PDB file of N, CA and C in Angstrom:
ATOM      1  N   MET A   1       1.911  12.787   7.354  1.00  0.00           N
ATOM      2  CA  MET A   1       1.104  12.645   6.149  1.00  0.00           C
ATOM      3  C   MET A   1       0.020  11.602   6.420  1.00  0.00           C
ATOM      4  N   ALA A   2      -1.133  11.801   5.890  1.00  0.00           N
ATOM      5  CA  ALA A   2      -2.259  10.908   6.114  1.00  0.00           C
ATOM      6  C   ALA A   2      -2.247   9.736   5.132  1.00  0.00           C
ATOM      7  N   VAL A   3      -2.964   8.707   5.500  1.00  0.00           N
ATOM      8  CA  VAL A   3      -3.191   7.571   4.615  1.00  0.00           C
ATOM      9  C   VAL A   3      -4.533   7.811   3.944  1.00  0.00           C
ATOM     10  N   ILE A   4      -4.541   7.795   2.612  1.00  0.00           N
ATOM     11  CA  ILE A   4      -5.794   8.048   1.907  1.00  0.00           C
ATOM     12  C   ILE A   4      -6.398   6.736   1.397  1.00  0.00           C
ATOM     13  N   SER A   5      -7.720   6.690   1.358  1.00  0.00           N
ATOM     14  CA  SER A   5      -8.426   5.517   0.842  1.00  0.00           C
ATOM     15  C   SER A   5      -8.913   5.801  -0.567  1.00  0.00           C
ATOM     16  N   ILE A   6      -8.785   4.796  -1.421  1.00  0.00           N
ATOM     17  CA  ILE A   6      -9.178   4.929  -2.819  1.00  0.00           C
ATOM     18  C   ILE A   6     -10.126   3.788  -3.156  1.00  0.00           C
ATOM     19  N   SER A   7     -11.171   4.103  -3.900  1.00  0.00           N
ATOM     20  CA  SER A   7     -12.167   3.079  -4.210  1.00  0.00           C
ATOM     21  C   SER A   7     -12.422   2.900  -5.710  1.00  0.00           C
ATOM     22  N   ARG A   8     -11.586   3.528  -6.553  1.00  0.00           N
ATOM     23  CA  ARG A   8     -11.734   3.369  -7.996  1.00  0.00           C
ATOM     24  C   ARG A   8     -10.364   3.244  -8.643  1.00  0.00           C
ATOM     25  N   ARG A   9     -10.283   2.442  -9.675  1.00  0.00           N
ATOM     26  CA  ARG A   9      -9.022   2.209 -10.379  1.00  0.00           C
ATOM     27  C   ARG A   9      -8.450   3.517 -10.926  1.00  0.00           C
ATOM     28  N   GLU A  10      -9.295   4.356 -11.471  1.00  0.00           N
ATOM     29  CA  GLU A  10      -8.832   5.616 -12.046  1.00  0.00           C
ATOM     30  C   GLU A  10      -8.182   6.496 -10.981  1.00  0.00           C
ATOM     31  N   GLU A  11      -8.761   6.496  -9.780  1.00  0.00           N
ATOM     32  CA  GLU A  11      -8.195   7.272  -8.671  1.00  0.00           C
ATOM     33  C   GLU A  11      -6.801   6.749  -8.314  1.00  0.00           C
ATOM     34  N   LEU A  12      -6.678   5.422  -8.290  1.00  0.00           N
ATOM     35  CA  LEU A  12      -5.380   4.832  -7.951  1.00  0.00           C
ATOM     36  C   LEU A  12      -4.346   5.189  -9.005  1.00  0.00           C
ATOM     37  N   ASP A  13      -4.690   5.024 -10.264  1.00  0.00           N
ATOM     38  CA  ASP A  13      -3.744   5.337 -11.340  1.00  0.00           C
ATOM     39  C   ASP A  13      -3.257   6.779 -11.240  1.00  0.00           C
ATOM     40  N   LYS A  14      -4.167   7.702 -10.963  1.00  0.00           N
ATOM     41  CA  LYS A  14      -3.803   9.108 -10.837  1.00  0.00           C
ATOM     42  C   LYS A  14      -2.928   9.341  -9.604  1.00  0.00           C
ATOM     43  N   ALA A  15      -3.281   8.693  -8.486  1.00  0.00           N
ATOM     44  CA  ALA A  15      -2.564   8.904  -7.223  1.00  0.00           C
ATOM     45  C   ALA A  15      -1.120   8.401  -7.280  1.00  0.00           C
ATOM     46  N   ILE A  16      -0.883   7.295  -7.987  1.00  0.00           N
ATOM     47  CA  ILE A  16       0.468   6.712  -8.002  1.00  0.00           C
ATOM     48  C   ILE A  16       1.313   7.188  -9.185  1.00  0.00           C
ATOM     49  N   ALA A  17       0.778   8.064 -10.008  1.00  0.00           N
ATOM     50  CA  ALA A  17       1.450   8.460 -11.255  1.00  0.00           C
ATOM     51  C   ALA A  17       2.808   9.112 -11.046  1.00  0.00           C
ATOM     52  N   LYS A  18       2.983   9.880  -9.969  1.00  0.00           N
ATOM     53  CA  LYS A  18       4.244  10.594  -9.760  1.00  0.00           C
ATOM     54  C   LYS A  18       4.799  10.304  -8.380  1.00  0.00           C
ATOM     55  N   GLY A  19       6.097  10.095  -8.330  1.00  0.00           N
ATOM     56  CA  GLY A  19       6.775   9.881  -7.061  1.00  0.00           C
ATOM     57  C   GLY A  19       6.547   8.491  -6.496  1.00  0.00           C
ATOM     58  N   PHE A  20       6.862   8.341  -5.206  1.00  0.00           N
ATOM     59  CA  PHE A  20       6.728   7.063  -4.526  1.00  0.00           C
ATOM     60  C   PHE A  20       5.357   6.960  -3.877  1.00  0.00           C
ATOM     61  N   SER A  21       4.751   5.788  -4.014  1.00  0.00           N
ATOM     62  CA  SER A  21       3.455   5.506  -3.391  1.00  0.00           C
ATOM     63  C   SER A  21       3.509   4.133  -2.740  1.00  0.00           C
ATOM     64  N   PHE A  22       3.052   4.074  -1.506  1.00  0.00           N
ATOM     65  CA  PHE A  22       2.987   2.847  -0.717  1.00  0.00           C
ATOM     66  C   PHE A  22       1.510   2.470  -0.657  1.00  0.00           C
ATOM     67  N   VAL A  23       1.145   1.362  -1.301  1.00  0.00           N
ATOM     68  CA  VAL A  23      -0.272   1.018  -1.436  1.00  0.00           C
ATOM     69  C   VAL A  23      -0.573  -0.291  -0.707  1.00  0.00           C
ATOM     70  N   ASP A  24      -1.486  -0.184   0.252  1.00  0.00           N
ATOM     71  CA  ASP A  24      -1.940  -1.330   1.044  1.00  0.00           C
ATOM     72  C   ASP A  24      -3.236  -1.849   0.437  1.00  0.00           C
ATOM     73  N   PHE A  25      -3.191  -3.060  -0.117  1.00  0.00           N
ATOM     74  CA  PHE A  25      -4.384  -3.711  -0.641  1.00  0.00           C
ATOM     75  C   PHE A  25      -4.929  -4.606   0.463  1.00  0.00           C
ATOM     76  N   TYR A  26      -6.158  -4.358   0.880  1.00  0.00           N
ATOM     77  CA  TYR A  26      -6.722  -5.007   2.070  1.00  0.00           C
ATOM     78  C   TYR A  26      -8.207  -5.290   1.865  1.00  0.00           C
ATOM     79  N   THR A  27      -8.812  -5.910   2.881  1.00  0.00           N
ATOM     80  CA  THR A  27     -10.268  -6.022   2.983  1.00  0.00           C
ATOM     81  C   THR A  27     -10.646  -5.721   4.426  1.00  0.00           C
ATOM     82  N   VAL A  28     -11.882  -5.316   4.632  1.00  0.00           N
ATOM     83  CA  VAL A  28     -12.318  -4.946   5.985  1.00  0.00           C
ATOM     84  C   VAL A  28     -12.411  -6.147   6.912  1.00  0.00           C
ATOM     85  N   TRP A  29     -12.575  -7.357   6.387  1.00  0.00           N
ATOM     86  CA  TRP A  29     -12.722  -8.552   7.225  1.00  0.00           C
ATOM     87  C   TRP A  29     -11.391  -9.239   7.543  1.00  0.00           C
ATOM     88  N   CYS A  30     -10.301  -8.713   7.068  1.00  0.00           N
ATOM     89  CA  CYS A  30      -8.974  -9.331   7.224  1.00  0.00           C
ATOM     90  C   CYS A  30      -8.329  -8.909   8.549  1.00  0.00           C
ATOM     91  N   GLY A  31      -8.051  -9.877   9.430  1.00  0.00           N
ATOM     92  CA  GLY A  31      -7.425  -9.588  10.723  1.00  0.00           C
ATOM     93  C   GLY A  31      -6.054  -8.941  10.611  1.00  0.00           C
ATOM     94  N   PRO A  32      -5.107  -9.540   9.858  1.00  0.00           N
ATOM     95  CA  PRO A  32      -3.789  -8.915   9.715  1.00  0.00           C
ATOM     96  C   PRO A  32      -3.859  -7.518   9.094  1.00  0.00           C
ATOM     97  N   CYS A  33      -4.845  -7.292   8.216  1.00  0.00           N
ATOM     98  CA  CYS A  33      -5.027  -5.967   7.610  1.00  0.00           C
ATOM     99  C   CYS A  33      -5.371  -4.942   8.688  1.00  0.00           C
ATOM    100  N   LYS A  34      -6.228  -5.338   9.625  1.00  0.00           N
ATOM    101  CA  LYS A  34      -6.623  -4.441  10.715  1.00  0.00           C
ATOM    102  C   LYS A  34      -5.434  -4.129  11.617  1.00  0.00           C
ATOM    103  N   MET A  35      -4.554  -5.108  11.821  1.00  0.00           N
ATOM    104  CA  MET A  35      -3.358  -4.880  12.644  1.00  0.00           C
ATOM    105  C   MET A  35      -2.363  -3.970  11.936  1.00  0.00           C
ATOM    106  N   LEU A  36      -2.306  -4.049  10.622  1.00  0.00           N
ATOM    107  CA  LEU A  36      -1.358  -3.262   9.838  1.00  0.00           C
ATOM    108  C   LEU A  36      -1.773  -1.796   9.726  1.00  0.00           C
ATOM    109  N   ALA A  37      -3.071  -1.521   9.724  1.00  0.00           N
ATOM    110  CA  ALA A  37      -3.588  -0.171   9.480  1.00  0.00           C
ATOM    111  C   ALA A  37      -2.982   0.905  10.383  1.00  0.00           C
ATOM    112  N   PRO A  38      -2.949   0.730  11.723  1.00  0.00           N
ATOM    113  CA  PRO A  38      -2.379   1.802  12.555  1.00  0.00           C
ATOM    114  C   PRO A  38      -0.875   1.979  12.347  1.00  0.00           C
ATOM    115  N   LEU A  39      -0.180   0.917  11.963  1.00  0.00           N
ATOM    116  CA  LEU A  39       1.258   1.032  11.690  1.00  0.00           C
ATOM    117  C   LEU A  39       1.509   1.890  10.454  1.00  0.00           C
ATOM    118  N   LEU A  40       0.636   1.765   9.476  1.00  0.00           N
ATOM    119  CA  LEU A  40       0.812   2.557   8.259  1.00  0.00           C
ATOM    120  C   LEU A  40       0.653   4.039   8.548  1.00  0.00           C
ATOM    121  N   VAL A  41      -0.243   4.382   9.465  1.00  0.00           N
ATOM    122  CA  VAL A  41      -0.405   5.780   9.850  1.00  0.00           C
ATOM    123  C   VAL A  41       0.885   6.282  10.498  1.00  0.00           C
ATOM    124  N   LYS A  42       1.473   5.484  11.399  1.00  0.00           N
ATOM    125  CA  LYS A  42       2.725   5.877  12.057  1.00  0.00           C
ATOM    126  C   LYS A  42       3.861   5.998  11.049  1.00  0.00           C
ATOM    127  N   VAL A  43       3.971   5.024  10.164  1.00  0.00           N
ATOM    128  CA  VAL A  43       5.044   5.036   9.164  1.00  0.00           C
ATOM    129  C   VAL A  43       4.860   6.210   8.206  1.00  0.00           C
ATOM    130  N   SER A  44       3.617   6.561   7.888  1.00  0.00           N
ATOM    131  CA  SER A  44       3.378   7.679   6.972  1.00  0.00           C
ATOM    132  C   SER A  44       3.864   9.001   7.562  1.00  0.00           C
ATOM    133  N   GLU A  45       3.901   9.091   8.890  1.00  0.00           N
ATOM    134  CA  GLU A  45       4.407  10.305   9.543  1.00  0.00           C
ATOM    135  C   GLU A  45       5.933  10.368   9.506  1.00  0.00           C
ATOM    136  N   ILE A  46       6.575   9.205   9.447  1.00  0.00           N
ATOM    137  CA  ILE A  46       8.040   9.130   9.401  1.00  0.00           C
ATOM    138  C   ILE A  46       8.533   9.291   7.958  1.00  0.00           C
ATOM    139  N   ALA A  47       7.949   8.513   7.057  1.00  0.00           N
ATOM    140  CA  ALA A  47       8.339   8.534   5.639  1.00  0.00           C
ATOM    141  C   ALA A  47       7.409   9.491   4.903  1.00  0.00           C
ATOM    142  N   ASN A  48       7.518  10.769   5.224  1.00  0.00           N
ATOM    143  CA  ASN A  48       6.558  11.740   4.710  1.00  0.00           C
ATOM    144  C   ASN A  48       6.813  12.186   3.274  1.00  0.00           C
ATOM    145  N   ASP A  49       7.793  11.582   2.619  1.00  0.00           N
ATOM    146  CA  ASP A  49       8.034  11.879   1.206  1.00  0.00           C
ATOM    147  C   ASP A  49       7.354  10.848   0.301  1.00  0.00           C
ATOM    148  N   ILE A  50       6.576   9.958   0.916  1.00  0.00           N
ATOM    149  CA  ILE A  50       5.873   8.911   0.195  1.00  0.00           C
ATOM    150  C   ILE A  50       4.378   9.087   0.429  1.00  0.00           C
ATOM    151  N   GLN A  51       3.600   8.844  -0.598  1.00  0.00           N
ATOM    152  CA  GLN A  51       2.151   8.868  -0.457  1.00  0.00           C
ATOM    153  C   GLN A  51       1.682   7.484   0.011  1.00  0.00           C
ATOM    154  N   PHE A  52       0.846   7.444   1.036  1.00  0.00           N
ATOM    155  CA  PHE A  52       0.322   6.187   1.574  1.00  0.00           C
ATOM    156  C   PHE A  52      -1.145   6.058   1.199  1.00  0.00           C
ATOM    157  N   ILE A  53      -1.468   4.905   0.601  1.00  0.00           N
ATOM    158  CA  ILE A  53      -2.797   4.682   0.041  1.00  0.00           C
ATOM    159  C   ILE A  53      -3.316   3.324   0.489  1.00  0.00           C
ATOM    160  N   LYS A  54      -4.619   3.261   0.782  1.00  0.00           N
ATOM    161  CA  LYS A  54      -5.286   2.006   1.092  1.00  0.00           C
ATOM    162  C   LYS A  54      -6.335   1.740   0.021  1.00  0.00           C
ATOM    163  N   VAL A  55      -6.389   0.481  -0.454  1.00  0.00           N
ATOM    164  CA  VAL A  55      -7.371   0.091  -1.460  1.00  0.00           C
ATOM    165  C   VAL A  55      -8.051  -1.188  -0.978  1.00  0.00           C
ATOM    166  N   ASP A  56      -9.364  -1.118  -0.760  1.00  0.00           N
ATOM    167  CA  ASP A  56     -10.150  -2.290  -0.381  1.00  0.00           C
ATOM    168  C   ASP A  56     -10.419  -3.092  -1.643  1.00  0.00           C
ATOM    169  N   ILE A  57      -9.808  -4.273  -1.756  1.00  0.00           N
ATOM    170  CA  ILE A  57      -9.930  -5.044  -2.995  1.00  0.00           C
ATOM    171  C   ILE A  57     -11.327  -5.635  -3.183  1.00  0.00           C
ATOM    172  N   ASP A  58     -12.147  -5.644  -2.134  1.00  0.00           N
ATOM    173  CA  ASP A  58     -13.541  -6.048  -2.316  1.00  0.00           C
ATOM    174  C   ASP A  58     -14.308  -4.979  -3.079  1.00  0.00           C
ATOM    175  N   GLN A  59     -13.893  -3.724  -2.946  1.00  0.00           N
ATOM    176  CA  GLN A  59     -14.533  -2.625  -3.676  1.00  0.00           C
ATOM    177  C   GLN A  59     -14.010  -2.494  -5.100  1.00  0.00           C
ATOM    178  N   VAL A  60     -12.750  -2.889  -5.308  1.00  0.00           N
ATOM    179  CA  VAL A  60     -12.115  -2.753  -6.629  1.00  0.00           C
ATOM    180  C   VAL A  60     -11.433  -4.086  -6.989  1.00  0.00           C
ATOM    181  N   PRO A  61     -12.223  -5.135  -7.263  1.00  0.00           N
ATOM    182  CA  PRO A  61     -11.637  -6.461  -7.497  1.00  0.00           C
ATOM    183  C   PRO A  61     -10.764  -6.552  -8.746  1.00  0.00           C
ATOM    184  N   THR A  62     -10.969  -5.676  -9.714  1.00  0.00           N
ATOM    185  CA  THR A  62     -10.145  -5.731 -10.928  1.00  0.00           C
ATOM    186  C   THR A  62      -8.681  -5.435 -10.624  1.00  0.00           C
ATOM    187  N   ILE A  63      -8.430  -4.583  -9.638  1.00  0.00           N
ATOM    188  CA  ILE A  63      -7.046  -4.275  -9.264  1.00  0.00           C
ATOM    189  C   ILE A  63      -6.351  -5.522  -8.749  1.00  0.00           C
ATOM    190  N   ALA A  64      -7.043  -6.284  -7.918  1.00  0.00           N
ATOM    191  CA  ALA A  64      -6.454  -7.505  -7.355  1.00  0.00           C
ATOM    192  C   ALA A  64      -6.071  -8.482  -8.460  1.00  0.00           C
ATOM    193  N   SER A  65      -6.926  -8.641  -9.450  1.00  0.00           N
ATOM    194  CA  SER A  65      -6.593  -9.569 -10.527  1.00  0.00           C
ATOM    195  C   SER A  65      -5.478  -9.031 -11.412  1.00  0.00           C
ATOM    196  N   GLN A  66      -5.467  -7.730 -11.671  1.00  0.00           N
ATOM    197  CA  GLN A  66      -4.425  -7.144 -12.527  1.00  0.00           C
ATOM    198  C   GLN A  66      -3.048  -7.241 -11.872  1.00  0.00           C
ATOM    199  N   LEU A  67      -2.993  -7.105 -10.539  1.00  0.00           N
ATOM    200  CA  LEU A  67      -1.709  -7.172  -9.834  1.00  0.00           C
ATOM    201  C   LEU A  67      -1.422  -8.576  -9.303  1.00  0.00           C
ATOM    202  N   ASN A  68      -2.296  -9.525  -9.620  1.00  0.00           N
ATOM    203  CA  ASN A  68      -2.107 -10.917  -9.218  1.00  0.00           C
ATOM    204  C   ASN A  68      -2.070 -11.072  -7.694  1.00  0.00           C
ATOM    205  N   ILE A  69      -2.900 -10.338  -6.992  1.00  0.00           N
ATOM    206  CA  ILE A  69      -2.952 -10.399  -5.533  1.00  0.00           C
ATOM    207  C   ILE A  69      -3.756 -11.629  -5.133  1.00  0.00           C
ATOM    208  N   ARG A  70      -3.113 -12.520  -4.386  1.00  0.00           N
ATOM    209  CA  ARG A  70      -3.735 -13.774  -3.963  1.00  0.00           C
ATOM    210  C   ARG A  70      -3.989 -13.821  -2.464  1.00  0.00           C
ATOM    211  N   SER A  71      -3.238 -13.037  -1.702  1.00  0.00           N
ATOM    212  CA  SER A  71      -3.368 -12.999  -0.243  1.00  0.00           C
ATOM    213  C   SER A  71      -3.388 -11.543   0.198  1.00  0.00           C
ATOM    214  N   ILE A  72      -3.998 -11.323   1.355  1.00  0.00           N
ATOM    215  CA  ILE A  72      -4.037  -9.966   1.894  1.00  0.00           C
ATOM    216  C   ILE A  72      -3.580  -9.989   3.343  1.00  0.00           C
ATOM    217  N   PRO A  73      -3.005  -8.921   3.820  1.00  0.00           N
ATOM    218  CA  PRO A  73      -2.693  -7.720   3.062  1.00  0.00           C
ATOM    219  C   PRO A  73      -1.530  -7.945   2.097  1.00  0.00           C
ATOM    220  N   THR A  74      -1.614  -7.294   0.972  1.00  0.00           N
ATOM    221  CA  THR A  74      -0.503  -7.204   0.029  1.00  0.00           C
ATOM    222  C   THR A  74      -0.186  -5.727  -0.115  1.00  0.00           C
ATOM    223  N   VAL A  75       1.080  -5.398   0.036  1.00  0.00           N
ATOM    224  CA  VAL A  75       1.509  -3.994  -0.004  1.00  0.00           C
ATOM    225  C   VAL A  75       2.518  -3.813  -1.133  1.00  0.00           C
ATOM    226  N   TYR A  76       2.244  -2.845  -1.994  1.00  0.00           N
ATOM    227  CA  TYR A  76       3.130  -2.521  -3.105  1.00  0.00           C
ATOM    228  C   TYR A  76       3.770  -1.161  -2.881  1.00  0.00           C
ATOM    229  N   LEU A  77       5.011  -1.041  -3.321  1.00  0.00           N
ATOM    230  CA  LEU A  77       5.672   0.252  -3.415  1.00  0.00           C
ATOM    231  C   LEU A  77       5.785   0.566  -4.898  1.00  0.00           C
ATOM    232  N   PHE A  78       5.230   1.707  -5.300  1.00  0.00           N
ATOM    233  CA  PHE A  78       5.253   2.153  -6.687  1.00  0.00           C
ATOM    234  C   PHE A  78       6.153   3.378  -6.808  1.00  0.00           C
ATOM    235  N   LYS A  79       6.787   3.523  -7.965  1.00  0.00           N
ATOM    236  CA  LYS A  79       7.490   4.755  -8.302  1.00  0.00           C
ATOM    237  C   LYS A  79       7.016   5.171  -9.686  1.00  0.00           C
ATOM    238  N   ASP A  80       6.474   6.380  -9.761  1.00  0.00           N
ATOM    239  CA  ASP A  80       5.959   6.934 -11.017  1.00  0.00           C
ATOM    240  C   ASP A  80       5.013   5.955 -11.718  1.00  0.00           C
ATOM    241  N   GLY A  81       4.138   5.330 -10.928  1.00  0.00           N
ATOM    242  CA  GLY A  81       3.117   4.446 -11.475  1.00  0.00           C
ATOM    243  C   GLY A  81       3.539   3.017 -11.737  1.00  0.00           C
ATOM    244  N   LYS A  82       4.814   2.711 -11.562  1.00  0.00           N
ATOM    245  CA  LYS A  82       5.328   1.361 -11.821  1.00  0.00           C
ATOM    246  C   LYS A  82       5.637   0.654 -10.504  1.00  0.00           C
ATOM    247  N   PRO A  83       5.212  -0.616 -10.361  1.00  0.00           N
ATOM    248  CA  PRO A  83       5.526  -1.343  -9.129  1.00  0.00           C
ATOM    249  C   PRO A  83       7.022  -1.623  -9.015  1.00  0.00           C
ATOM    250  N   ILE A  84       7.568  -1.338  -7.836  1.00  0.00           N
ATOM    251  CA  ILE A  84       8.987  -1.590  -7.572  1.00  0.00           C
ATOM    252  C   ILE A  84       9.151  -2.925  -6.855  1.00  0.00           C
ATOM    253  N   ASN A  85       8.347  -3.109  -5.802  1.00  0.00           N
ATOM    254  CA  ASN A  85       8.428  -4.322  -4.998  1.00  0.00           C
ATOM    255  C   ASN A  85       7.154  -4.426  -4.175  1.00  0.00           C
ATOM    256  N   PHE A  86       6.960  -5.587  -3.555  1.00  0.00           N
ATOM    257  CA  PHE A  86       5.785  -5.782  -2.719  1.00  0.00           C
ATOM    258  C   PHE A  86       6.088  -6.769  -1.611  1.00  0.00           C
ATOM    259  N   PHE A  87       5.228  -6.784  -0.593  1.00  0.00           N
ATOM    260  CA  PHE A  87       5.278  -7.843   0.416  1.00  0.00           C
ATOM    261  C   PHE A  87       3.852  -8.265   0.737  1.00  0.00           C
ATOM    262  N   VAL A  88       3.741  -9.471   1.277  1.00  0.00           N
ATOM    263  CA  VAL A  88       2.450 -10.034   1.630  1.00  0.00           C
ATOM    264  C   VAL A  88       2.448 -10.337   3.114  1.00  0.00           C
ATOM    265  N   GLY A  89       1.362  -9.965   3.802  1.00  0.00           N
ATOM    266  CA  GLY A  89       1.217 -10.274   5.213  1.00  0.00           C
ATOM    267  C   GLY A  89       1.597  -9.109   6.112  1.00  0.00           C
ATOM    268  N   TYR A  90       1.488  -9.365   7.391  1.00  0.00           N
ATOM    269  CA  TYR A  90       1.764  -8.355   8.407  1.00  0.00           C
ATOM    270  C   TYR A  90       3.261  -8.147   8.572  1.00  0.00           C
ATOM    271  N   LYS A  91       3.673  -6.921   8.755  1.00  0.00           N
ATOM    272  CA  LYS A  91       5.056  -6.579   9.098  1.00  0.00           C
ATOM    273  C   LYS A  91       5.033  -5.555  10.221  1.00  0.00           C
ATOM    274  N   THR A  92       6.106  -5.532  10.995  1.00  0.00           N
ATOM    275  CA  THR A  92       6.236  -4.560  12.082  1.00  0.00           C
ATOM    276  C   THR A  92       6.647  -3.205  11.503  1.00  0.00           C
ATOM    277  N   GLU A  93       6.553  -2.174  12.326  1.00  0.00           N
ATOM    278  CA  GLU A  93       6.953  -0.839  11.886  1.00  0.00           C
ATOM    279  C   GLU A  93       8.399  -0.809  11.394  1.00  0.00           C
ATOM    280  N   PRO A  94       9.382  -1.377  12.149  1.00  0.00           N
ATOM    281  CA  PRO A  94      10.759  -1.381  11.634  1.00  0.00           C
ATOM    282  C   PRO A  94      10.903  -2.152  10.321  1.00  0.00           C
ATOM    283  N   GLU A  95      10.166  -3.240  10.166  1.00  0.00           N
ATOM    284  CA  GLU A  95      10.241  -4.006   8.923  1.00  0.00           C
ATOM    285  C   GLU A  95       9.673  -3.217   7.746  1.00  0.00           C
ATOM    286  N   ILE A  96       8.605  -2.471   7.979  1.00  0.00           N
ATOM    287  CA  ILE A  96       8.015  -1.651   6.913  1.00  0.00           C
ATOM    288  C   ILE A  96       8.983  -0.541   6.513  1.00  0.00           C
ATOM    289  N   LEU A  97       9.579   0.117   7.502  1.00  0.00           N
ATOM    290  CA  LEU A  97      10.552   1.177   7.203  1.00  0.00           C
ATOM    291  C   LEU A  97      11.756   0.618   6.461  1.00  0.00           C
ATOM    292  N   GLN A  98      12.218  -0.560   6.845  1.00  0.00           N
ATOM    293  CA  GLN A  98      13.345  -1.201   6.141  1.00  0.00           C
ATOM    294  C   GLN A  98      12.958  -1.501   4.704  1.00  0.00           C
ATOM    295  N   PHE A  99      11.756  -2.045   4.494  1.00  0.00           N
ATOM    296  CA  PHE A  99      11.273  -2.330   3.141  1.00  0.00           C
ATOM    297  C   PHE A  99      11.281  -1.068   2.291  1.00  0.00           C
ATOM    298  N   ILE A 100      10.781   0.024   2.839  1.00  0.00           N
ATOM    299  CA  ILE A 100      10.746   1.289   2.103  1.00  0.00           C
ATOM    300  C   ILE A 100      12.154   1.756   1.780  1.00  0.00           C
ATOM    301  N   ASN A 101      13.021   1.794   2.788  1.00  0.00           N
ATOM    302  CA  ASN A 101      14.385   2.300   2.594  1.00  0.00           C
ATOM    303  C   ASN A 101      15.173   1.471   1.598  1.00  0.00           C
ATOM    304  N   GLU A 102      15.026   0.161   1.639  1.00  0.00           N
ATOM    305  CA  GLU A 102      15.753  -0.716   0.714  1.00  0.00           C
ATOM    306  C   GLU A 102      15.280  -0.538  -0.732  1.00  0.00           C
ATOM    307  N   ASN A 103      14.018  -0.216  -0.898  1.00  0.00           N
ATOM    308  CA  ASN A 103      13.461  -0.164  -2.245  1.00  0.00           C
ATOM    309  C   ASN A 103      13.411   1.232  -2.857  1.00  0.00           C
ATOM    310  N   LYS A 104      13.748   2.252  -2.083  1.00  0.00           N
ATOM    311  CA  LYS A 104      13.761   3.620  -2.619  1.00  0.00           C
ATOM    312  C   LYS A 104      15.100   3.973  -3.253  1.00  0.00           C
ATOM    313  N   LYS A 105      16.040   3.099  -3.218  1.00  0.00           N
ATOM    314  CA  LYS A 105      17.387   3.398  -3.737  1.00  0.00           C
ATOM    315  C   LYS A 105      17.393   3.514  -5.230  1.00  0.00           C
TER     316      LYS A 105
END
């Protein structure tokens, strides 16, 4: 499954409305965000029952304030539009898969 990029709040709300969504809030100038990006593509191929989304918070700053995002990357797992859990900073592929598996229960 591919990682999709979203640049409007309305698009995000629609995308996360049903099922599980893994949302990476990032900026293009963030080093750890750049390191995380290829891992998300790999993880999206393994956890193919989850939608993977990237949101550049410089393009949609209202999302960052609404979700109280203070550091990037910040990654949220949503179920049916509601946040379940999140982490901040870089994680390895096994750590990301563990985060997903622990929070999908």
